Amino acid sequence: MAETNQVKASADEAVSRMRLGPIGGTGLRTINGYVYEEAKQELRWPQSNRTFKLMSYDSTIKAANTALDVMIGKVKWKYEAPEDAPQASKDAADFLNYCMANMEQQTWREFINEVGSYRIFGYHVAEKIWSVVKTGKWKGKLKWKALATRSQDTIGKWTWDANDPDTLTGCVQDLSFVNSDITRYNTRLSGKTEIEIPRNKFLLFRYDPKKNNPMGNSPLLGCYIPWKQKTITEEYELIGLSRDLGGTIEIGVAAEYLAKAQENPAGNEAQVIATLKQNAADLHAGDSTFIMVPLAYDDKGNELFTFKLKGIDGSGKQFALNEVINRKQNEILTIYLADVLKMGQDKVGSYSLSDTKTNLMAMGIQYHLDIISDVINNDLVPQTLAMNGWYLESHEMPRIVYDDLEDQDRGEFAKALQQAAAVNMVLRTPDTLSHTAKILGFPGWEKIAEMSQAEVDELMTDNRTGAAGGMDEGLSNGDGSSTSKGADRSAANKSNK
């Protein structure tokens, strides 16, 4: 008994001494509110903004981002209350849909498109601006006037809670970074150059926020090395195309002339050789389009100087630069999960591979949609409802949802429906019939979901497919039928398998 009490006492003592608040920290490197996580200076703020902008102009990166923007832009959003939610939850969802459709300074689609900038810079800040509803059902409530972008060019400094260094309390916008805008905001700035925006006043979208970094991690970080290599290779390719040159520059100088240059480094001969070296270096780097070689001869009539390109006659190695560029393009698109954009351009690939790549890209798009919806559901929704007097339990809270990325393949769906119905695996319920009619494009599918089960049973006939009938006649497939000649005419129809 004494041993049991001792064990209990030790456990109680350990629990009572446990600190509930944080002890350690994430280890995020910051100096005076600025984040310094990246080792490369060109990838660290503020230089990173210029680097990422240059990278975003690249045709390969632009194509990947445009594809994502188009796919995300076509998605339809709406707020829904949970099933079996109370009326207050349904009313809240209706109000949120009203807010989404009645923003004053932007549309919802424009807002979603602006949010996509986090795929370039790693994060996006959208300030919540409110206005009062003047008329209608929701008169007197606060709605979103705009979810206004705060450019990454103006944000670099962040503020944290003094008692909890991992809790973000706001960001600081400095409009002096964009000088032309200072005069437009003189009234708001009141002589200051910085504006601090509290954390509860803005939405923060982040990509891959390691160590709870408010600036996230740009997807372009993984593209930086192949982009840099691709850019250099393209520059060399253009230089070669502009002059149709290849190989290594070779300048011949007579031995006696070289000897004089070495004997007197300040003499005319040494200066001429130094000039030739510089001209050759400029030509190789692309800073010059020609090289000037003096026509001079010795006493015997031999040339003192010669010029030629090694490699033109086959003695030099010529690399296929387009192969290097294509390889770097594939690396960039693979990082974006958008390498399906290259399918067919390299004269390789198959339908099955393309289908796999498309599904992988769809998963990547869904990941971005989930990032956006998580921020809205965990920040904008509860704050908006609380400001308007809705205090709901977490399981009653409306949530923003998005439609499927692409339409269901009707042929594949019909085939699966037929096969499932053949073995009585399709329920004839209003929900099932409404969903089926919607995918197949039948009119009036919305009304089917509102029907009762009795109405559905009366509406539906006893018609059924002939699937499984072939089995009764001893055939190897479900839709076949025996004939006098013993042939199975449906065997060639692969859809019956």
Protein backbone atom coordinates (compact mmCIF):
# COMPACT_ATOMS: atom_id res chain seq x y z
CA MET A 1 0.00 0.00 0.00
CA ALA A 2 2.84 2.34 0.81
CA GLU A 3 4.42 1.70 -2.59
CA THR A 4 1.16 2.55 -4.39
CA ASN A 5 0.85 5.82 -2.52
CA GLN A 6 4.45 6.66 -3.33
CA VAL A 7 3.87 6.13 -7.06
CA LYS A 8 0.75 8.31 -6.96
CA ALA A 9 2.55 11.03 -5.06
CA SER A 10 5.39 11.05 -7.61
CA ALA A 11 2.93 11.35 -10.48
CA ASP A 12 1.06 14.21 -8.82
CA GLU A 13 4.31 16.00 -8.14
CA ALA A 14 5.43 15.69 -11.77
CA VAL A 15 2.12 17.04 -13.06
CA SER A 16 2.02 19.91 -10.60
CA ARG A 17 5.48 21.03 -11.61
CA MET A 18 4.76 20.98 -15.38
CA ARG A 19 4.75 24.42 -16.97
CA LEU A 20 1.74 24.91 -19.23
CA GLY A 21 3.20 27.80 -21.26
CA PRO A 22 6.06 27.60 -23.77
CA ILE A 23 9.62 27.01 -22.59
CA GLY A 24 11.52 26.59 -25.85
CA GLY A 25 11.22 28.43 -29.16
CA THR A 26 11.03 27.70 -32.87
CA GLY A 27 14.51 29.10 -33.51
CA LEU A 28 13.42 31.49 -36.24
CA ARG A 29 16.31 33.85 -37.03
CA THR A 30 15.14 37.46 -36.63
CA ILE A 31 16.87 40.80 -36.09
CA ASN A 32 14.76 43.83 -35.10
CA GLY A 33 11.65 42.23 -36.56
CA TYR A 34 13.26 41.17 -39.85
CA VAL A 35 13.55 37.48 -40.76
CA TYR A 36 16.99 36.22 -41.81
CA GLU A 37 16.50 32.53 -42.52
CA GLU A 38 18.04 32.22 -45.98
CA ALA A 39 21.78 31.71 -46.40
CA LYS A 40 21.93 33.26 -49.89
CA GLN A 41 21.67 37.03 -49.81
CA GLU A 42 19.70 37.20 -53.05
CA LEU A 43 17.03 34.97 -51.48
CA ARG A 44 16.79 37.00 -48.27
CA TRP A 45 14.45 39.95 -47.86
CA PRO A 46 14.51 42.58 -49.34
CA GLN A 47 16.73 41.24 -52.16
CA SER A 48 14.45 38.22 -52.44
CA ASN A 49 11.60 40.37 -53.74
CA ARG A 50 13.64 41.43 -56.75
CA THR A 51 14.92 37.87 -57.30
CA PHE A 52 11.46 36.33 -57.15
CA LYS A 53 10.04 38.98 -59.48
CA LEU A 54 12.75 38.28 -62.05
CA MET A 55 12.09 34.55 -61.74
CA SER A 56 8.35 35.06 -62.17
CA TYR A 57 8.99 36.64 -65.59
CA ASP A 58 10.66 33.45 -66.82
CA SER A 59 8.48 31.76 -69.43
CA THR A 60 8.60 28.35 -67.76
CA ILE A 61 7.72 29.65 -64.28
CA LYS A 62 5.11 31.98 -65.79
CA ALA A 63 3.49 29.06 -67.61
CA ALA A 64 3.29 27.00 -64.42
CA ASN A 65 1.82 29.87 -62.39
CA THR A 66 -0.62 30.77 -65.14
CA ALA A 67 -1.87 27.18 -65.30
CA LEU A 68 -2.41 27.20 -61.53
CA ASP A 69 -4.13 30.61 -61.68
CA VAL A 70 -6.50 29.44 -64.42
CA MET A 71 -7.41 26.22 -62.61
CA ILE A 72 -7.86 27.94 -59.24
CA GLY A 73 -9.71 30.87 -60.84
CA LYS A 74 -12.40 28.62 -62.35
CA VAL A 75 -13.22 27.03 -58.99
CA LYS A 76 -16.52 28.10 -57.44
CA TRP A 77 -16.57 28.89 -53.72
CA LYS A 78 -19.43 28.93 -51.23
CA TYR A 79 -20.04 28.81 -47.50
CA GLU A 80 -21.93 25.84 -46.14
CA ALA A 81 -23.34 25.01 -42.73
CA PRO A 82 -22.67 21.50 -41.37
CA GLU A 83 -25.34 18.86 -41.76
CA ASP A 84 -27.98 18.92 -39.02
CA ALA A 85 -26.72 22.36 -37.96
CA PRO A 86 -29.07 24.73 -36.12
CA GLN A 87 -30.82 27.53 -37.97
CA ALA A 88 -28.34 30.08 -36.62
CA SER A 89 -25.53 28.24 -38.42
CA LYS A 90 -27.49 28.23 -41.68
CA ASP A 91 -28.21 31.94 -41.31
CA ALA A 92 -24.52 32.59 -40.70
CA ALA A 93 -23.60 30.69 -43.87
CA ASP A 94 -26.12 32.75 -45.85
CA PHE A 95 -24.61 35.96 -44.49
CA LEU A 96 -21.07 34.86 -45.38
CA ASN A 97 -22.20 34.11 -48.94
CA TYR A 98 -23.76 37.59 -49.01
CA CYS A 99 -20.45 39.11 -47.90
CA MET A 100 -18.56 37.19 -50.57
CA ALA A 101 -20.91 38.39 -53.32
CA ASN A 102 -21.10 42.02 -52.17
CA MET A 103 -17.54 43.22 -51.71
CA GLU A 104 -17.26 46.84 -52.80
CA GLN A 105 -13.68 47.40 -53.92
CA GLN A 106 -12.97 44.00 -55.48
CA THR A 107 -14.63 40.76 -56.48
CA TRP A 108 -14.04 37.45 -54.75
CA ARG A 109 -12.26 36.11 -57.83
CA GLU A 110 -9.91 39.10 -57.83
CA PHE A 111 -9.17 38.45 -54.18
CA ILE A 112 -8.36 34.77 -54.84
CA ASN A 113 -6.14 35.77 -57.75
CA GLU A 114 -4.25 38.25 -55.55
CA VAL A 115 -3.75 35.60 -52.88
CA GLY A 116 -1.88 33.54 -55.49
CA SER A 117 1.09 35.88 -55.06
CA TYR A 118 2.20 33.67 -52.14
CA ARG A 119 3.32 31.17 -54.78
CA ILE A 120 5.93 33.75 -55.80
CA PHE A 121 6.94 35.43 -52.55
CA GLY A 122 5.99 32.68 -50.08
CA TYR A 123 3.31 34.72 -48.30
CA HIS A 124 0.45 37.13 -48.91
CA VAL A 125 -1.05 39.74 -46.58
CA ALA A 126 -4.67 40.83 -47.10
CA GLU A 127 -6.01 43.55 -44.81
CA LYS A 128 -9.64 43.14 -43.72
CA ILE A 129 -11.62 46.33 -44.44
CA TRP A 130 -15.19 46.49 -43.14
CA SER A 131 -18.34 48.41 -43.97
CA VAL A 132 -21.90 48.48 -42.60
CA VAL A 133 -24.72 46.95 -44.62
CA LYS A 134 -27.14 49.81 -45.35
CA THR A 135 -30.22 48.00 -46.67
CA GLY A 136 -31.83 44.61 -47.01
CA LYS A 137 -32.02 41.53 -44.83
CA TRP A 138 -28.62 42.07 -43.22
CA LYS A 139 -28.98 45.79 -42.55
CA GLY A 140 -26.74 46.97 -39.72
CA LYS A 141 -24.29 44.07 -39.89
CA LEU A 142 -20.60 44.37 -40.78
CA LYS A 143 -19.51 42.97 -44.12
CA TRP A 144 -16.23 42.92 -46.03
CA LYS A 145 -15.67 46.08 -48.02
CA ALA A 146 -12.44 44.56 -49.31
CA LEU A 147 -9.75 42.06 -48.45
CA ALA A 148 -7.07 44.39 -49.70
CA THR A 149 -3.59 43.28 -50.74
CA ARG A 150 -0.63 44.70 -48.86
CA SER A 151 2.26 44.40 -51.28
CA GLN A 152 5.26 42.28 -50.31
CA ASP A 153 7.40 45.18 -51.53
CA THR A 154 6.22 47.22 -48.54
CA ILE A 155 6.28 44.53 -45.83
CA GLY A 156 9.37 43.11 -44.25
CA LYS A 157 9.18 43.78 -40.55
CA TRP A 158 7.07 41.72 -38.14
CA THR A 159 6.13 42.08 -34.49
CA TRP A 160 5.85 39.34 -31.88
CA ASP A 161 4.41 39.08 -28.38
CA ALA A 162 7.01 40.04 -25.76
CA ASN A 163 5.82 37.26 -23.43
CA ASP A 164 5.51 34.63 -26.18
CA PRO A 165 8.12 35.24 -28.91
CA ASP A 166 6.43 32.71 -31.22
CA THR A 167 3.08 34.55 -31.25
CA LEU A 168 2.80 37.01 -34.13
CA THR A 169 1.11 40.29 -33.19
CA GLY A 170 1.32 42.19 -36.46
CA CYS A 171 3.30 43.36 -39.47
CA VAL A 172 4.83 46.72 -40.35
CA GLN A 173 4.23 48.29 -43.74
CA ASP A 174 6.77 50.85 -44.91
CA LEU A 175 5.50 52.86 -47.88
CA SER A 176 8.87 54.56 -48.29
CA PHE A 177 9.89 51.42 -50.22
CA VAL A 178 7.55 52.62 -52.98
CA ASN A 179 8.28 56.33 -52.99
CA SER A 180 5.53 57.28 -55.41
CA ASP A 181 2.87 56.17 -52.92
CA ILE A 182 3.99 58.24 -49.93
CA THR A 183 2.13 61.38 -50.98
CA ARG A 184 -1.07 59.39 -51.47
CA TYR A 185 -0.98 58.23 -47.84
CA ASN A 186 0.26 61.37 -46.07
CA THR A 187 -2.95 61.71 -44.04
CA ARG A 188 -2.81 58.14 -42.83
CA LEU A 189 0.94 58.22 -42.17
CA SER A 190 0.79 61.49 -40.17
CA GLY A 191 4.42 62.19 -40.91
CA LYS A 192 5.55 58.60 -40.24
CA THR A 193 7.03 56.26 -42.80
CA GLU A 194 5.78 53.05 -41.19
CA ILE A 195 2.29 51.69 -40.49
CA GLU A 196 1.81 48.80 -38.07
CA ILE A 197 -1.09 46.50 -38.93
CA PRO A 198 -2.36 44.37 -35.99
CA ARG A 199 -2.56 40.63 -36.53
CA ASN A 200 -6.35 40.53 -36.16
CA LYS A 201 -6.64 43.06 -38.99
CA PHE A 202 -5.15 40.95 -41.77
CA LEU A 203 -5.24 37.49 -43.31
CA LEU A 204 -1.86 35.78 -43.69
CA PHE A 205 -1.49 33.15 -46.40
CA ARG A 206 1.78 31.20 -46.26
CA TYR A 207 3.39 28.43 -48.28
CA ASP A 208 5.39 25.85 -46.32
CA PRO A 209 5.91 28.02 -43.18
CA LYS A 210 8.83 26.27 -41.50
CA LYS A 211 9.57 27.46 -37.92
CA ASN A 212 6.29 29.39 -38.07
CA ASN A 213 7.98 31.86 -40.40
CA PRO A 214 5.43 34.62 -41.23
CA MET A 215 7.04 34.97 -44.66
CA GLY A 216 6.63 31.27 -45.45
CA ASN A 217 8.91 29.70 -48.06
CA SER A 218 8.44 30.58 -51.70
CA PRO A 219 8.08 27.63 -54.12
CA LEU A 220 10.61 29.53 -56.23
CA LEU A 221 13.33 28.68 -53.70
CA GLY A 222 13.43 25.16 -55.11
CA CYS A 223 13.49 26.57 -58.64
CA TYR A 224 16.33 29.02 -58.03
CA ILE A 225 19.31 26.82 -59.02
CA PRO A 226 17.77 25.33 -62.21
CA TRP A 227 16.41 28.79 -63.11
CA LYS A 228 19.86 30.35 -62.69
CA GLN A 229 21.51 27.62 -64.76
CA LYS A 230 18.80 27.88 -67.42
CA THR A 231 19.17 31.67 -67.60
CA ILE A 232 22.96 31.50 -68.06
CA THR A 233 22.63 28.80 -70.71
CA GLU A 234 20.03 30.84 -72.61
CA GLU A 235 22.32 33.88 -72.55
CA TYR A 236 25.19 31.86 -74.02
CA GLU A 237 22.85 30.40 -76.62
CA LEU A 238 21.68 33.86 -77.70
CA ILE A 239 25.25 35.14 -77.87
CA GLY A 240 26.20 32.22 -80.08
CA LEU A 241 23.17 32.71 -82.29
CA SER A 242 23.80 36.42 -82.71
CA ARG A 243 27.32 35.83 -84.01
CA ASP A 244 27.09 32.23 -85.12
CA LEU A 245 30.27 31.56 -83.18
CA GLY A 246 31.47 28.52 -81.23
CA GLY A 247 34.67 27.29 -79.69
CA THR A 248 37.56 29.04 -77.97
CA ILE A 249 39.19 32.23 -79.22
CA GLU A 250 42.81 31.76 -80.26
CA ILE A 251 45.09 34.77 -80.92
CA GLY A 252 48.51 34.03 -82.38
CA VAL A 253 51.42 36.39 -81.65
CA ALA A 254 54.93 36.11 -83.11
CA ALA A 255 57.52 34.77 -80.64
CA GLU A 256 59.85 37.81 -81.00
CA TYR A 257 56.91 40.15 -80.35
CA LEU A 258 55.99 38.24 -77.20
CA ALA A 259 59.59 38.33 -76.03
CA LYS A 260 59.72 42.11 -76.35
CA ALA A 261 56.46 42.42 -74.42
CA GLN A 262 57.86 40.34 -71.58
CA GLU A 263 61.13 42.26 -71.48
CA ASN A 264 59.35 45.61 -71.22
CA PRO A 265 55.84 45.31 -69.55
CA ALA A 266 55.33 49.06 -70.06
CA GLY A 267 56.28 49.05 -73.75
CA ASN A 268 54.07 49.29 -76.80
CA GLU A 269 54.22 45.53 -77.45
CA ALA A 270 52.90 44.69 -73.95
CA GLN A 271 50.09 47.25 -74.30
CA VAL A 272 49.01 45.79 -77.68
CA ILE A 273 48.89 42.24 -76.22
CA ALA A 274 46.93 43.47 -73.18
CA THR A 275 44.41 45.11 -75.51
CA LEU A 276 44.01 41.91 -77.54
CA LYS A 277 43.42 39.91 -74.35
CA GLN A 278 40.76 42.33 -73.19
CA ASN A 279 39.04 42.31 -76.60
CA ALA A 280 38.97 38.51 -76.60
CA ALA A 281 37.53 38.42 -73.06
CA ASP A 282 34.82 40.94 -74.00
CA LEU A 283 33.95 38.91 -77.09
CA HIS A 284 33.65 35.67 -75.11
CA ALA A 285 31.48 37.33 -72.45
CA GLY A 286 29.22 38.86 -75.06
CA ASP A 287 30.18 42.43 -74.23
CA SER A 288 31.58 42.97 -77.73
CA THR A 289 30.45 41.85 -81.18
CA PHE A 290 33.89 41.91 -82.86
CA ILE A 291 37.63 41.88 -82.20
CA MET A 292 40.20 44.13 -83.89
CA VAL A 293 43.52 42.46 -84.79
CA PRO A 294 46.33 44.68 -86.19
CA LEU A 295 47.75 43.76 -89.60
CA ALA A 296 51.49 43.67 -89.00
CA TYR A 297 54.35 41.68 -90.57
CA ASP A 298 57.95 40.97 -89.67
CA ASP A 299 60.98 41.55 -91.95
CA LYS A 300 60.33 38.21 -93.68
CA GLY A 301 56.68 39.00 -94.46
CA ASN A 302 55.18 36.72 -91.79
CA GLU A 303 52.11 37.86 -89.86
CA LEU A 304 52.80 39.07 -86.33
CA PHE A 305 49.19 38.37 -85.25
CA THR A 306 46.58 35.72 -86.14
CA PHE A 307 43.02 35.13 -84.98
CA LYS A 308 40.78 32.06 -85.18
CA LEU A 309 38.12 30.13 -83.24
CA LYS A 310 39.08 26.65 -82.11
CA GLY A 311 36.19 24.26 -82.50
CA ILE A 312 34.76 25.51 -85.78
CA ASP A 313 36.81 22.97 -87.72
CA GLY A 314 35.66 20.13 -85.46
CA SER A 315 38.49 20.13 -82.94
CA GLY A 316 36.34 21.70 -80.21
CA LYS A 317 33.37 20.33 -78.23
CA GLN A 318 29.99 21.82 -79.08
CA PHE A 319 27.20 21.19 -76.54
CA ALA A 320 23.51 21.05 -77.45
CA LEU A 321 22.39 23.97 -75.33
CA ASN A 322 18.71 23.37 -76.04
CA GLU A 323 18.99 19.99 -74.30
CA VAL A 324 20.36 21.70 -71.19
CA ILE A 325 17.58 24.30 -71.32
CA ASN A 326 14.89 21.63 -71.74
CA ARG A 327 16.27 19.68 -68.80
CA LYS A 328 16.16 22.76 -66.58
CA GLN A 329 12.62 23.55 -67.75
CA ASN A 330 11.54 20.04 -66.75
CA GLU A 331 13.15 20.47 -63.32
CA ILE A 332 11.24 23.72 -62.72
CA LEU A 333 7.91 22.29 -63.87
CA THR A 334 8.43 19.17 -61.78
CA ILE A 335 8.87 21.31 -58.67
CA TYR A 336 5.51 22.94 -59.50
CA LEU A 337 3.94 19.51 -60.23
CA ALA A 338 3.12 21.04 -63.61
CA ASP A 339 5.41 18.99 -65.86
CA VAL A 340 2.28 17.85 -67.71
CA LEU A 341 2.68 21.15 -69.60
CA LYS A 342 5.70 19.64 -71.36
CA MET A 343 3.93 16.46 -72.39
CA GLY A 344 4.13 16.10 -76.16
CA GLN A 345 6.56 18.99 -76.67
CA ASP A 346 9.47 16.58 -76.30
CA LYS A 347 7.74 14.03 -78.59
CA VAL A 348 7.52 11.59 -75.71
CA GLY A 349 4.77 10.48 -73.37
CA SER A 350 1.58 8.50 -73.52
CA TYR A 351 -2.07 8.96 -72.68
CA SER A 352 -1.76 6.97 -69.46
CA LEU A 353 1.29 8.97 -68.38
CA SER A 354 -0.49 12.23 -69.20
CA ASP A 355 -3.48 11.12 -67.15
CA THR A 356 -1.21 10.35 -64.19
CA LYS A 357 0.56 13.69 -64.49
CA THR A 358 -2.76 15.52 -64.73
CA ASN A 359 -3.97 13.85 -61.55
CA LEU A 360 -0.73 14.81 -59.81
CA MET A 361 -1.15 18.44 -60.90
CA ALA A 362 -4.75 18.36 -59.67
CA MET A 363 -3.47 17.22 -56.27
CA GLY A 364 -1.07 20.17 -56.24
CA ILE A 365 -3.89 22.58 -57.09
CA GLN A 366 -6.06 21.08 -54.37
CA TYR A 367 -3.20 21.63 -51.91
CA HIS A 368 -3.21 25.36 -52.75
CA LEU A 369 -7.00 25.49 -52.45
CA ASP A 370 -6.75 23.90 -49.02
CA ILE A 371 -4.17 26.49 -47.93
CA ILE A 372 -6.56 29.29 -48.92
CA SER A 373 -9.66 27.71 -47.36
CA ASP A 374 -7.85 26.88 -44.09
CA VAL A 375 -6.88 30.53 -43.56
CA ILE A 376 -10.40 31.72 -44.34
CA ASN A 377 -12.09 29.13 -42.14
CA ASN A 378 -9.79 29.66 -39.18
CA ASP A 379 -9.48 33.44 -39.33
CA LEU A 380 -12.01 35.32 -41.46
CA VAL A 381 -15.10 33.20 -40.74
CA PRO A 382 -15.02 33.14 -36.89
CA GLN A 383 -14.05 36.82 -36.66
CA THR A 384 -16.80 37.93 -39.06
CA LEU A 385 -19.44 35.95 -37.24
CA ALA A 386 -18.31 37.11 -33.79
CA MET A 387 -18.39 40.75 -34.90
CA ASN A 388 -21.99 40.25 -36.01
CA GLY A 389 -23.26 38.47 -32.93
CA TRP A 390 -23.03 34.82 -34.02
CA TYR A 391 -21.35 32.73 -31.33
CA LEU A 392 -21.38 29.13 -32.52
CA GLU A 393 -19.72 25.95 -31.35
CA SER A 394 -16.83 24.72 -33.48
CA HIS A 395 -18.92 21.86 -34.92
CA GLU A 396 -21.65 24.36 -35.88
CA MET A 397 -19.36 26.83 -37.63
CA PRO A 398 -19.98 27.36 -41.39
CA ARG A 399 -17.02 26.62 -43.61
CA ILE A 400 -15.97 27.71 -47.07
CA VAL A 401 -15.85 24.88 -49.60
CA TYR A 402 -14.93 24.68 -53.28
CA ASP A 403 -16.30 22.64 -56.16
CA ASP A 404 -14.46 19.85 -57.93
CA LEU A 405 -11.57 20.99 -60.08
CA GLU A 406 -12.81 19.28 -63.21
CA ASP A 407 -16.04 17.74 -64.47
CA GLN A 408 -16.62 14.05 -64.05
CA ASP A 409 -15.97 11.98 -67.20
CA ARG A 410 -19.54 11.09 -68.18
CA GLY A 411 -18.52 8.01 -70.13
CA GLU A 412 -16.51 6.56 -67.27
CA PHE A 413 -19.22 7.46 -64.78
CA ALA A 414 -21.96 5.85 -66.89
CA LYS A 415 -19.89 2.69 -67.25
CA ALA A 416 -19.28 2.49 -63.50
CA LEU A 417 -22.96 3.20 -62.84
CA GLN A 418 -24.04 0.40 -65.15
CA GLN A 419 -21.68 -2.08 -63.55
CA ALA A 420 -22.74 -1.11 -60.03
CA ALA A 421 -26.45 -1.21 -60.91
CA ALA A 422 -26.05 -4.67 -62.43
CA VAL A 423 -25.32 -6.07 -58.98
CA ASN A 424 -27.90 -3.90 -57.18
CA MET A 425 -25.28 -1.61 -55.62
CA VAL A 426 -27.00 1.67 -56.59
CA LEU A 427 -29.62 2.96 -54.16
CA ARG A 428 -32.67 4.66 -55.69
CA THR A 429 -32.70 7.53 -53.25
CA PRO A 430 -33.34 11.23 -54.03
CA ASP A 431 -29.72 12.13 -53.23
CA THR A 432 -28.27 9.39 -55.44
CA LEU A 433 -30.58 10.16 -58.37
CA SER A 434 -29.94 13.92 -58.08
CA HIS A 435 -26.17 13.40 -58.07
CA THR A 436 -26.38 11.03 -61.06
CA ALA A 437 -28.60 13.41 -63.03
CA LYS A 438 -26.23 16.29 -62.30
CA ILE A 439 -23.16 14.47 -63.63
CA LEU A 440 -25.01 13.20 -66.72
CA GLY A 441 -26.31 16.71 -67.43
CA PHE A 442 -30.01 15.99 -67.04
CA PRO A 443 -32.21 19.05 -66.45
CA GLY A 444 -34.04 19.46 -63.18
CA TRP A 445 -31.53 17.54 -61.08
CA GLU A 446 -31.85 20.11 -58.27
CA LYS A 447 -35.55 19.28 -57.80
CA ILE A 448 -34.90 15.54 -57.50
CA ALA A 449 -33.03 16.03 -54.21
CA GLU A 450 -36.14 17.70 -52.77
CA MET A 451 -38.42 14.75 -53.61
CA SER A 452 -39.54 12.21 -51.06
CA GLN A 453 -38.59 8.56 -51.28
CA ALA A 454 -42.22 7.66 -52.11
CA GLU A 455 -42.19 10.08 -55.04
CA VAL A 456 -38.94 8.60 -56.32
CA ASP A 457 -40.29 5.05 -56.06
CA GLU A 458 -43.38 6.04 -58.01
CA LEU A 459 -41.36 7.89 -60.63
CA MET A 460 -38.80 5.18 -61.28
CA THR A 461 -39.69 2.17 -63.47
CA ASP A 462 -38.64 -1.43 -63.14
CA ASN A 463 -36.38 -1.18 -66.17
CA ARG A 464 -33.02 -2.80 -65.67
CA THR A 465 -30.03 -3.61 -67.79
CA GLY A 466 -29.42 -7.03 -69.24
CA ALA A 467 -26.18 -7.27 -67.30
CA ALA A 468 -25.60 -10.71 -65.76
CA GLY A 469 -28.00 -12.31 -68.21
CA GLY A 470 -25.14 -13.89 -70.08
CA MET A 471 -24.10 -15.79 -67.02
CA ASP A 472 -27.45 -17.62 -67.06
CA GLU A 473 -26.61 -18.95 -70.50
CA GLY A 474 -23.18 -20.21 -69.46
CA LEU A 475 -21.15 -17.43 -71.08
CA SER A 476 -18.03 -15.79 -69.67
CA ASN A 477 -19.43 -12.26 -69.54
CA GLY A 478 -22.53 -10.59 -68.21
CA ASP A 479 -24.14 -9.10 -71.30
CA GLY A 480 -23.69 -11.92 -73.82
CA SER A 481 -26.34 -14.20 -75.26
CA SER A 482 -25.99 -17.55 -76.86
CA THR A 483 -26.98 -18.05 -80.51
CA SER A 484 -27.72 -20.98 -82.69
CA LYS A 485 -24.19 -20.80 -84.02
CA GLY A 486 -22.72 -20.63 -80.50
CA ALA A 487 -21.27 -17.16 -81.06
CA ASP A 488 -21.14 -14.43 -78.42
CA ARG A 489 -21.58 -11.12 -80.23
CA SER A 490 -20.90 -9.06 -77.14
CA ALA A 491 -17.48 -10.51 -76.46
CA ALA A 492 -15.79 -7.79 -78.48
CA ASN A 493 -17.48 -5.04 -76.49
CA LYS A 494 -14.94 -4.24 -73.80
CA SER A 495 -17.41 -2.04 -71.95
CA ASN A 496 -19.33 -5.17 -70.97
CA LYS A 497 -16.38 -6.67 -69.09
